[in-house]
């Protein structure tokens, strides 16, 4: 693999793209350390760590920028949310659906609208955070109003810059820019996480045997989760398709056999992100505002939504909060079906097959094909959702049982492994075009 990487660097085009991506990642990490003016970072960091202990959700999306209240604190969350909103709107609004089908011109127009929605969401989130900071006395500026304006501008500008940088990576670098930014933000927390695990379970163990067992268990969990994610990402159901022969001019064309690839994990990591966001949003919003008697009455309910309180079966009084995990799993399955339903339309696929003279062997065209595709899709979506649930729950279970303080979880590993596989395949494709052996070759 090292030799293959060296061969990739010999190609000027690949070398330039890799260098550009690397420089962009350096800029992102520097931005995650630049503080927002007017915020007491030390006080805010202690507060947010106590509120979000054990979840690591915001740390994952912002690369630690939210915990340190940097200019990149919002991360690319607004862009991801706006992209999802636009995907939903293309289903509900016929004009947007027409734009989506209008080739490159329509896609560029939708991308432009997505940028405007991203800025709007960033302004809204930054304003909400600023008001929360004001009510909690985290703003150090003498003029509180001016301090709020500065914070809103800084956070919105940071999110907009990350969005632009992601687009530049997609165009001039390697991989999908937004995914690469998520990758570097998540990976940035791995050293600290593994360092804390080493300190807690290996270095501070009573005996050498316990230390070895702890180290083996940690490594085994990471390996198992990584393998599960790879299998989940690559697994697909191939539905055979046969095209009828027809006369075109003086030649007989068609008759070839192909297949429709249906990914088992059709929705990717979206269900996990949706479910986590929905569970954590009330906790974050409530925590950013001053405590009152009304809010205090909701504290116990909010504990059910916080992942840091789940799976603590050995702690008296904490077991009941694991009910929140059941709610989380229900939401995960729901979003897996929901997101797949808006991204894959069996009726559209069946109609396209019929127009092109294709059919599924043993299944009649039209309604029987739609019913068949729907039944197969529902089956594999359930398998994919169960796989996602396993990958997402394993870190939560061990974190709760052994009180491990880590920011990464199943969502992080799914994103990291998926993006790395995507980058490897893209580099391999570019190398195959130049007759080099790729990363995925057996030699």
Protein backbone atom coordinates (compact mmCIF):
# COMPACT_ATOMS: atom_id res chain seq x y z
CA UNK A 1 0.00 0.00 0.00
CA UNK A 2 2.89 2.38 0.74
CA UNK A 3 4.32 1.72 -2.72
CA UNK A 4 0.93 2.42 -4.25
CA UNK A 5 0.72 5.70 -2.35
CA UNK A 6 4.18 6.66 -3.64
CA UNK A 7 3.04 5.87 -7.18
CA UNK A 8 0.00 8.09 -6.66
CA UNK A 9 2.23 10.99 -5.61
CA UNK A 10 4.19 10.60 -8.86
CA UNK A 11 1.11 11.65 -10.82
CA UNK A 12 1.00 15.45 -10.94
CA UNK A 13 -2.80 15.69 -11.04
CA UNK A 14 -3.30 13.45 -8.00
CA UNK A 15 -0.40 15.06 -6.15
CA UNK A 16 -1.87 18.54 -6.70
CA UNK A 17 -5.32 17.45 -5.51
CA UNK A 18 -3.91 15.76 -2.40
CA UNK A 19 -1.78 18.80 -1.56
CA UNK A 20 -4.74 21.16 -2.01
CA UNK A 21 -6.93 19.00 0.24
CA UNK A 22 -4.18 18.81 2.87
CA UNK A 23 -3.75 22.61 2.93
CA UNK A 24 -7.52 23.06 3.29
CA UNK A 25 -7.55 20.68 6.26
CA UNK A 26 -4.77 22.67 7.93
CA UNK A 27 -6.83 25.85 7.52
CA UNK A 28 -9.84 24.09 9.08
CA UNK A 29 -7.86 22.98 12.12
CA UNK A 30 -6.42 26.48 12.59
CA UNK A 31 -9.91 27.96 12.39
CA UNK A 32 -11.12 25.57 15.10
CA UNK A 33 -8.65 27.23 17.47
CA UNK A 34 -9.55 30.89 16.70
CA UNK A 35 -11.77 32.21 19.53
CA UNK A 36 -14.98 34.14 19.01
CA UNK A 37 -14.50 37.68 20.43
CA UNK A 38 -16.30 38.47 23.66
CA UNK A 39 -16.75 34.94 25.03
CA UNK A 40 -15.13 33.63 28.20
CA UNK A 41 -13.87 30.39 26.65
CA UNK A 42 -12.75 28.77 29.92
CA UNK A 43 -16.09 29.24 31.67
CA UNK A 44 -18.09 28.24 28.60
CA UNK A 45 -15.93 25.14 27.99
CA UNK A 46 -16.47 23.89 31.56
CA UNK A 47 -20.21 24.54 31.26
CA UNK A 48 -20.70 22.81 27.92
CA UNK A 49 -18.58 19.80 28.97
CA UNK A 50 -20.74 19.33 32.07
CA UNK A 51 -23.96 19.67 30.07
CA UNK A 52 -22.94 17.43 27.18
CA UNK A 53 -20.83 14.95 29.17
CA UNK A 54 -20.72 11.57 27.47
CA UNK A 55 -22.41 12.62 24.23
CA UNK A 56 -19.64 14.16 22.16
CA UNK A 57 -22.23 15.02 19.50
CA UNK A 58 -21.28 18.66 19.01
CA UNK A 59 -17.59 17.83 19.37
CA UNK A 60 -17.98 15.36 16.52
CA UNK A 61 -19.59 17.83 14.10
CA UNK A 62 -17.42 20.84 14.93
CA UNK A 63 -14.07 19.16 15.62
CA UNK A 64 -14.03 20.59 19.15
CA UNK A 65 -14.83 24.07 17.83
CA UNK A 66 -18.07 24.34 19.80
CA UNK A 67 -16.47 23.31 23.08
CA UNK A 68 -13.78 25.97 22.60
CA UNK A 69 -16.26 28.45 21.07
CA UNK A 70 -14.16 29.10 17.97
CA UNK A 71 -15.27 30.84 14.77
CA UNK A 72 -15.99 27.35 13.38
CA UNK A 73 -18.23 26.45 16.34
CA UNK A 74 -21.29 25.86 14.14
CA UNK A 75 -19.21 23.65 11.83
CA UNK A 76 -20.95 22.49 8.67
CA UNK A 77 -24.13 21.61 10.55
CA UNK A 78 -26.15 24.42 8.87
CA UNK A 79 -25.05 23.22 5.42
CA UNK A 80 -25.96 19.60 6.16
CA UNK A 81 -29.35 20.69 7.52
CA UNK A 82 -30.05 22.93 4.53
CA UNK A 83 -29.09 20.14 2.11
CA UNK A 84 -31.55 17.81 3.82
CA UNK A 85 -34.26 20.50 3.76
CA UNK A 86 -33.72 21.03 0.02
CA UNK A 87 -33.96 17.28 -0.62
CA UNK A 88 -37.28 17.23 1.22
CA UNK A 89 -38.55 20.31 -0.62
CA UNK A 90 -37.74 18.80 -4.02
CA UNK A 91 -40.31 16.13 -3.19
CA UNK A 92 -42.94 18.61 -1.96
CA UNK A 93 -42.45 21.48 -4.47
CA UNK A 94 -42.91 20.55 -8.16
CA UNK A 95 -40.80 23.50 -9.39
CA UNK A 96 -37.79 22.33 -7.39
CA UNK A 97 -38.37 18.79 -8.65
CA UNK A 98 -38.24 20.12 -12.21
CA UNK A 99 -34.99 21.94 -11.44
CA UNK A 100 -33.49 18.74 -10.07
CA UNK A 101 -34.33 16.93 -13.33
CA UNK A 102 -33.05 19.84 -15.45
CA UNK A 103 -29.50 18.53 -15.69
CA UNK A 104 -26.43 20.50 -14.64
CA UNK A 105 -28.18 23.89 -14.85
CA UNK A 106 -30.91 22.82 -12.45
CA UNK A 107 -28.46 21.28 -10.00
CA UNK A 108 -26.43 24.50 -9.95
CA UNK A 109 -29.55 26.49 -9.19
CA UNK A 110 -30.50 24.15 -6.35
CA UNK A 111 -26.93 24.37 -4.99
CA UNK A 112 -27.23 28.18 -5.04
CA UNK A 113 -30.53 28.07 -3.13
CA UNK A 114 -28.93 25.64 -0.65
CA UNK A 115 -26.17 28.18 0.06
CA UNK A 116 -28.72 30.89 0.86
CA UNK A 117 -30.63 28.52 3.15
CA UNK A 118 -27.34 27.63 4.86
CA UNK A 119 -26.59 31.29 5.60
CA UNK A 120 -30.11 31.78 6.95
CA UNK A 121 -29.83 28.77 9.25
CA UNK A 122 -26.36 29.86 10.41
CA UNK A 123 -27.67 33.34 11.29
CA UNK A 124 -30.60 31.81 13.18
CA UNK A 125 -28.42 29.35 15.13
CA UNK A 126 -25.78 31.99 15.88
CA UNK A 127 -28.45 34.43 17.11
CA UNK A 128 -30.02 31.76 19.32
CA UNK A 129 -26.63 30.91 20.82
CA UNK A 130 -25.82 34.60 21.35
CA UNK A 131 -29.07 35.20 23.23
CA UNK A 132 -28.31 32.12 25.33
CA UNK A 133 -24.82 33.46 26.08
CA UNK A 134 -26.29 36.82 27.05
CA UNK A 135 -28.83 35.29 29.43
CA UNK A 136 -26.12 33.09 30.98
CA UNK A 137 -23.65 36.00 31.34
CA UNK A 138 -20.98 34.43 29.11
CA UNK A 139 -20.45 37.63 27.09
CA UNK A 140 -17.52 39.73 28.35
CA UNK A 141 -18.11 42.78 26.12
CA UNK A 142 -19.11 46.06 27.79
CA UNK A 143 -21.75 46.66 25.15
CA UNK A 144 -23.83 43.47 25.23
CA UNK A 145 -25.76 44.28 22.05
CA UNK A 146 -22.55 44.89 20.10
CA UNK A 147 -21.15 41.69 21.60
CA UNK A 148 -24.14 39.71 20.33
CA UNK A 149 -23.75 41.20 16.83
CA UNK A 150 -20.04 40.33 16.75
CA UNK A 151 -20.73 36.74 17.84
CA UNK A 152 -23.47 36.30 15.21
CA UNK A 153 -21.22 37.67 12.44
CA UNK A 154 -18.23 35.55 13.55
CA UNK A 155 -20.18 32.28 13.80
CA UNK A 156 -22.12 32.86 10.56
CA UNK A 157 -18.93 33.81 8.70
CA UNK A 158 -17.14 30.72 9.99
CA UNK A 159 -19.94 28.42 8.86
CA UNK A 160 -20.15 30.12 5.43
CA UNK A 161 -16.38 29.83 4.99
CA UNK A 162 -16.47 26.11 5.81
CA UNK A 163 -19.26 25.63 3.26
CA UNK A 164 -17.17 27.42 0.59
CA UNK A 165 -14.07 25.46 1.54
CA UNK A 166 -15.98 22.19 1.26
CA UNK A 167 -17.08 23.09 -2.26
CA UNK A 168 -13.50 23.94 -3.20
CA UNK A 169 -12.28 20.56 -1.92
CA UNK A 170 -14.95 18.79 -3.98
CA UNK A 171 -13.96 20.72 -7.10
CA UNK A 172 -10.17 20.91 -6.77
CA UNK A 173 -9.26 18.26 -4.19
CA UNK A 174 -9.97 14.63 -3.34
CA UNK A 175 -13.34 13.32 -2.16
CA UNK A 176 -16.54 15.10 -1.25
CA UNK A 177 -15.58 18.31 0.54
CA UNK A 178 -18.26 18.25 3.23
CA UNK A 179 -17.48 14.61 4.03
CA UNK A 180 -13.75 15.37 4.19
CA UNK A 181 -14.38 18.23 6.64
CA UNK A 182 -16.43 15.89 8.82
CA UNK A 183 -13.61 13.35 8.60
CA UNK A 184 -10.91 15.75 9.81
CA UNK A 185 -13.13 17.16 12.58
CA UNK A 186 -13.94 13.71 13.91
CA UNK A 187 -10.37 12.41 13.56
CA UNK A 188 -9.03 15.42 15.46
CA UNK A 189 -10.62 14.11 18.64
CA UNK A 190 -9.32 10.55 18.36
CA UNK A 191 -5.91 11.13 20.02
CA UNK A 192 -7.48 12.71 23.11
CA UNK A 193 -10.15 10.00 23.27
CA UNK A 194 -7.68 7.13 23.10
CA UNK A 195 -5.42 8.98 25.54
CA UNK A 196 -8.28 9.19 28.05
CA UNK A 197 -9.11 5.52 27.54
CA UNK A 198 -5.47 4.61 28.12
CA UNK A 199 -5.31 6.69 31.31
CA UNK A 200 -8.61 5.35 32.66
CA UNK A 201 -8.46 1.66 31.82
CA UNK A 202 -4.83 0.75 31.11
CA UNK A 203 -2.48 3.03 33.04
CA UNK A 204 -4.62 3.13 36.19
CA UNK A 205 -5.37 -0.62 36.27
CA UNK A 206 -4.60 -2.50 39.47
CA UNK A 207 -2.63 -5.27 37.76
CA UNK A 208 -0.80 -5.84 34.49
CA UNK A 209 -3.32 -8.52 33.51
CA UNK A 210 -6.23 -6.08 33.84
CA UNK A 211 -4.32 -3.50 31.83
CA UNK A 212 -3.66 -5.99 29.02
CA UNK A 213 -7.29 -7.15 29.01
CA UNK A 214 -8.50 -3.52 28.88
CA UNK A 215 -6.16 -2.72 25.98
CA UNK A 216 -7.26 -5.82 24.06
CA UNK A 217 -10.94 -5.04 24.61
CA UNK A 218 -10.52 -1.43 23.41
CA UNK A 219 -8.62 -2.47 20.27
CA UNK A 220 -11.07 -5.32 19.58
CA UNK A 221 -14.07 -2.97 19.85
CA UNK A 222 -12.55 -0.49 17.40
CA UNK A 223 -11.66 -3.28 14.94
CA UNK A 224 -15.09 -4.93 15.20
CA UNK A 225 -16.92 -1.63 14.71
CA UNK A 226 -14.73 -0.77 11.72
CA UNK A 227 -15.34 -4.16 10.09
CA UNK A 228 -19.10 -3.89 10.72
CA UNK A 229 -19.17 -0.44 9.12
CA UNK A 230 -17.22 -1.64 6.07
CA UNK A 231 -19.60 -4.57 5.61
CA UNK A 232 -22.60 -2.27 6.09
CA UNK A 233 -21.32 0.32 3.62
CA UNK A 234 -20.45 -2.19 0.87
CA UNK A 235 -23.40 -4.59 1.28
CA UNK A 236 -25.97 -4.43 -1.50
CA UNK A 237 -28.81 -6.44 -3.00
CA UNK A 238 -28.50 -6.92 -6.77
CA UNK A 239 -31.82 -7.20 -8.59
CA UNK A 240 -31.41 -8.82 -12.01
CA UNK A 241 -32.76 -6.89 -15.00
CA UNK A 242 -33.17 -8.24 -18.55
CA UNK A 243 -33.64 -6.00 -21.59
CA UNK A 244 -35.72 -7.25 -24.50
CA UNK A 245 -34.18 -7.49 -27.96
CA UNK A 246 -35.41 -5.06 -30.59
CA UNK A 247 -34.64 -4.22 -34.21
CA UNK A 248 -32.78 -0.96 -34.72
CA UNK A 249 -32.11 -0.35 -38.41
CA UNK A 250 -30.75 -3.59 -39.76
CA UNK A 251 -29.32 -4.74 -36.45
CA UNK A 252 -30.79 -6.51 -33.47
CA UNK A 253 -29.91 -4.62 -30.29
CA UNK A 254 -30.67 -5.13 -26.61
CA UNK A 255 -31.05 -8.42 -24.86
CA UNK A 256 -28.29 -7.72 -22.38
CA UNK A 257 -28.60 -8.56 -18.70
CA UNK A 258 -27.71 -6.15 -15.91
CA UNK A 259 -28.82 -5.46 -12.34
CA UNK A 260 -30.15 -2.72 -10.06
CA UNK A 261 -27.83 -2.30 -7.02
CA UNK A 262 -29.79 -1.58 -3.84
CA UNK A 263 -27.51 -0.66 -0.95
CA UNK A 264 -28.42 -2.27 2.35
CA UNK A 265 -27.55 0.95 4.15
CA UNK A 266 -29.41 3.12 1.63
CA UNK A 267 -29.73 6.13 3.93
CA UNK A 268 -26.09 6.06 5.07
CA UNK A 269 -25.37 7.86 8.33
CA UNK A 270 -28.34 10.26 7.95
CA UNK A 271 -30.72 8.32 10.30
CA UNK A 272 -28.14 8.38 13.10
CA UNK A 273 -27.50 12.12 12.68
CA UNK A 274 -31.23 12.89 12.50
CA UNK A 275 -32.05 10.82 15.59
CA UNK A 276 -29.12 12.23 17.60
CA UNK A 277 -29.97 15.81 16.60
CA UNK A 278 -33.62 15.41 17.54
CA UNK A 279 -32.73 13.91 20.93
CA UNK A 280 -30.03 16.48 21.78
CA UNK A 281 -31.64 19.71 20.56
CA UNK A 282 -33.97 20.16 23.60
CA UNK A 283 -31.06 19.44 25.97
CA UNK A 284 -28.79 22.03 24.33
CA UNK A 285 -31.45 24.75 23.99
CA UNK A 286 -32.65 24.35 27.59
CA UNK A 287 -29.10 24.33 28.96
CA UNK A 288 -28.11 27.57 27.21
CA UNK A 289 -30.79 29.61 28.98
CA UNK A 290 -30.99 30.68 32.58
CA UNK A 291 -32.44 28.16 34.96
CA UNK A 292 -35.94 28.81 36.18
CA UNK A 293 -38.50 26.84 38.13
CA UNK A 294 -40.27 25.93 34.90
CA UNK A 295 -37.07 24.61 33.32
CA UNK A 296 -36.09 22.72 36.44
CA UNK A 297 -39.29 20.70 36.23
CA UNK A 298 -38.13 19.46 32.82
CA UNK A 299 -34.65 18.43 34.00
CA UNK A 300 -35.63 14.85 34.71
CA UNK A 301 -37.37 14.49 31.34
CA UNK A 302 -34.32 15.92 29.54
CA UNK A 303 -32.10 13.31 31.20
CA UNK A 304 -33.92 10.64 29.20
CA UNK A 305 -32.77 12.38 25.99
CA UNK A 306 -29.10 12.72 26.95
CA UNK A 307 -26.95 9.83 25.71
CA UNK A 308 -24.59 10.39 28.64
CA UNK A 309 -27.26 8.95 30.96
CA UNK A 310 -27.93 5.75 29.00
CA UNK A 311 -26.78 2.22 29.83
CA UNK A 312 -25.62 3.13 33.35
CA UNK A 313 -27.09 -0.07 34.76
CA UNK A 314 -24.59 -0.28 37.63
CA UNK A 315 -25.45 3.19 38.94
CA UNK A 316 -28.43 3.42 41.27
CA UNK A 317 -31.08 5.83 40.03
CA UNK A 318 -29.62 6.05 36.51
CA UNK A 319 -31.03 2.83 35.03
CA UNK A 320 -34.44 4.34 34.28
CA UNK A 321 -32.91 6.88 31.88
CA UNK A 322 -31.94 4.08 29.49
CA UNK A 323 -35.53 4.26 28.23
CA UNK A 324 -34.20 7.12 26.11
CA UNK A 325 -32.11 4.56 24.20
CA UNK A 326 -35.30 2.77 23.12
CA UNK A 327 -36.71 6.08 21.83
CA UNK A 328 -33.42 6.66 20.00
CA UNK A 329 -33.59 3.26 18.28
CA UNK A 330 -37.21 3.83 17.22
CA UNK A 331 -36.25 7.20 15.71
CA UNK A 332 -33.27 5.62 13.95
CA UNK A 333 -35.43 2.98 12.25
CA UNK A 334 -38.06 5.58 11.36
CA UNK A 335 -35.55 7.93 9.72
CA UNK A 336 -33.95 5.02 7.86
CA UNK A 337 -37.29 4.29 6.17
CA UNK A 338 -38.23 7.95 5.81
CA UNK A 339 -34.98 9.08 4.15
CA UNK A 340 -34.91 6.09 1.81
CA UNK A 341 -38.51 6.80 0.79
CA UNK A 342 -37.61 10.32 -0.39
CA UNK A 343 -34.40 9.30 -2.18
CA UNK A 344 -35.49 6.08 -3.92
CA UNK A 345 -38.79 5.90 -5.78
CA UNK A 346 -39.77 2.33 -6.85
CA UNK A 347 -42.49 3.71 -9.15
CA UNK A 348 -39.99 5.89 -11.03
CA UNK A 349 -37.52 2.99 -11.38
CA UNK A 350 -40.27 0.66 -12.63
CA UNK A 351 -41.49 3.22 -15.18
CA UNK A 352 -37.95 3.81 -16.46
CA UNK A 353 -37.43 0.07 -16.88
CA UNK A 354 -40.69 -0.22 -18.81
CA UNK A 355 -39.78 2.68 -21.12
CA UNK A 356 -36.36 1.15 -21.86
CA UNK A 357 -37.76 -2.31 -22.53
CA UNK A 358 -36.35 -3.78 -19.34
CA UNK A 359 -37.95 -6.16 -16.88
CA UNK A 360 -37.12 -8.17 -13.79
CA UNK A 361 -37.11 -11.90 -14.65
CA UNK A 362 -40.25 -13.54 -13.29
CA UNK A 363 -41.92 -10.19 -12.51
CA UNK A 364 -44.36 -8.50 -14.86
CA UNK A 365 -43.76 -4.81 -15.74
CA UNK A 366 -45.89 -2.11 -14.13
CA UNK A 367 -47.54 -2.52 -10.74
CA UNK A 368 -46.04 -6.00 -9.99
CA UNK A 369 -42.54 -4.54 -10.50
CA UNK A 370 -43.33 -1.62 -8.18
CA UNK A 371 -44.65 -4.00 -5.49
CA UNK A 372 -41.62 -6.26 -5.85
CA UNK A 373 -39.12 -3.38 -5.57
CA UNK A 374 -41.00 -1.98 -2.57
CA UNK A 375 -41.00 -5.32 -0.72
CA UNK A 376 -37.28 -5.88 -1.37
CA UNK A 377 -36.47 -2.31 -0.35
CA UNK A 378 -38.43 -2.58 2.91
CA UNK A 379 -36.59 -5.79 3.76
CA UNK A 380 -33.09 -4.46 3.15
CA UNK A 381 -33.86 -1.12 4.85
CA UNK A 382 -34.73 -3.04 8.03
CA UNK A 383 -31.44 -4.97 7.82
CA UNK A 384 -29.54 -1.71 7.27
CA UNK A 385 -31.33 -0.02 10.18
CA UNK A 386 -30.51 -2.95 12.48
CA UNK A 387 -26.87 -2.75 11.38
CA UNK A 388 -26.80 0.99 12.06
CA UNK A 389 -28.40 0.43 15.45
CA UNK A 390 -25.74 -2.14 16.42
CA UNK A 391 -22.88 0.12 15.35
CA UNK A 392 -24.42 3.12 17.13
CA UNK A 393 -25.37 1.32 20.36
CA UNK A 394 -22.10 -0.57 21.05
CA UNK A 395 -20.10 2.60 21.96
CA UNK A 396 -23.06 3.98 23.95
CA UNK A 397 -23.33 0.72 25.90
CA UNK A 398 -19.65 0.55 26.85
CA UNK A 399 -19.53 4.28 27.60
CA UNK A 400 -22.45 3.96 30.01
CA UNK A 401 -21.37 0.69 31.61
CA UNK A 402 -17.73 1.69 32.20
CA UNK A 403 -18.16 5.48 32.37
CA UNK A 404 -15.69 6.04 29.53
CA UNK A 405 -15.26 9.68 28.50
CA UNK A 406 -15.00 9.68 24.70
CA UNK A 407 -16.36 11.88 21.92
CA UNK A 408 -16.41 9.33 19.11
CA UNK A 409 -19.14 6.75 18.68
CA UNK A 410 -20.87 4.69 16.06
CA UNK A 411 -21.79 7.77 14.01
CA UNK A 412 -18.17 8.91 13.96
CA UNK A 413 -16.84 5.54 12.85
CA UNK A 414 -19.48 5.24 10.09
CA UNK A 415 -18.49 8.66 8.72
CA UNK A 416 -14.72 8.10 9.00
CA UNK A 417 -14.71 4.65 7.41
CA UNK A 418 -17.17 5.68 4.68
CA UNK A 419 -15.20 8.79 3.70
CA UNK A 420 -11.85 6.95 3.70
CA UNK A 421 -13.29 4.22 1.46
CA UNK A 422 -14.68 6.89 -0.87
CA UNK A 423 -11.31 8.67 -1.09
CA UNK A 424 -9.42 5.41 -1.70
CA UNK A 425 -11.80 4.43 -4.49
CA UNK A 426 -11.53 7.85 -6.10
CA UNK A 427 -7.72 7.80 -6.04
CA UNK A 428 -7.75 4.22 -7.33
CA UNK A 429 -9.99 5.20 -10.24
CA UNK A 430 -7.64 8.04 -11.17
CA UNK A 431 -4.66 5.70 -10.99
CA UNK A 432 -6.31 2.95 -13.06
CA UNK A 433 -6.75 5.49 -15.81
CA UNK A 434 -2.97 5.84 -15.81
CA UNK A 435 -2.31 2.07 -15.58
CA UNK A 436 -1.17 2.02 -11.95
CA UNK A 437 -2.18 -0.56 -9.38
CA UNK A 438 -4.68 0.75 -6.86
CA UNK A 439 -5.09 0.65 -3.13
CA UNK A 440 -7.65 -2.12 -3.36
CA UNK A 441 -5.50 -4.50 -5.40
CA UNK A 442 -4.47 -7.75 -3.76
CA UNK A 443 -0.75 -7.37 -4.50
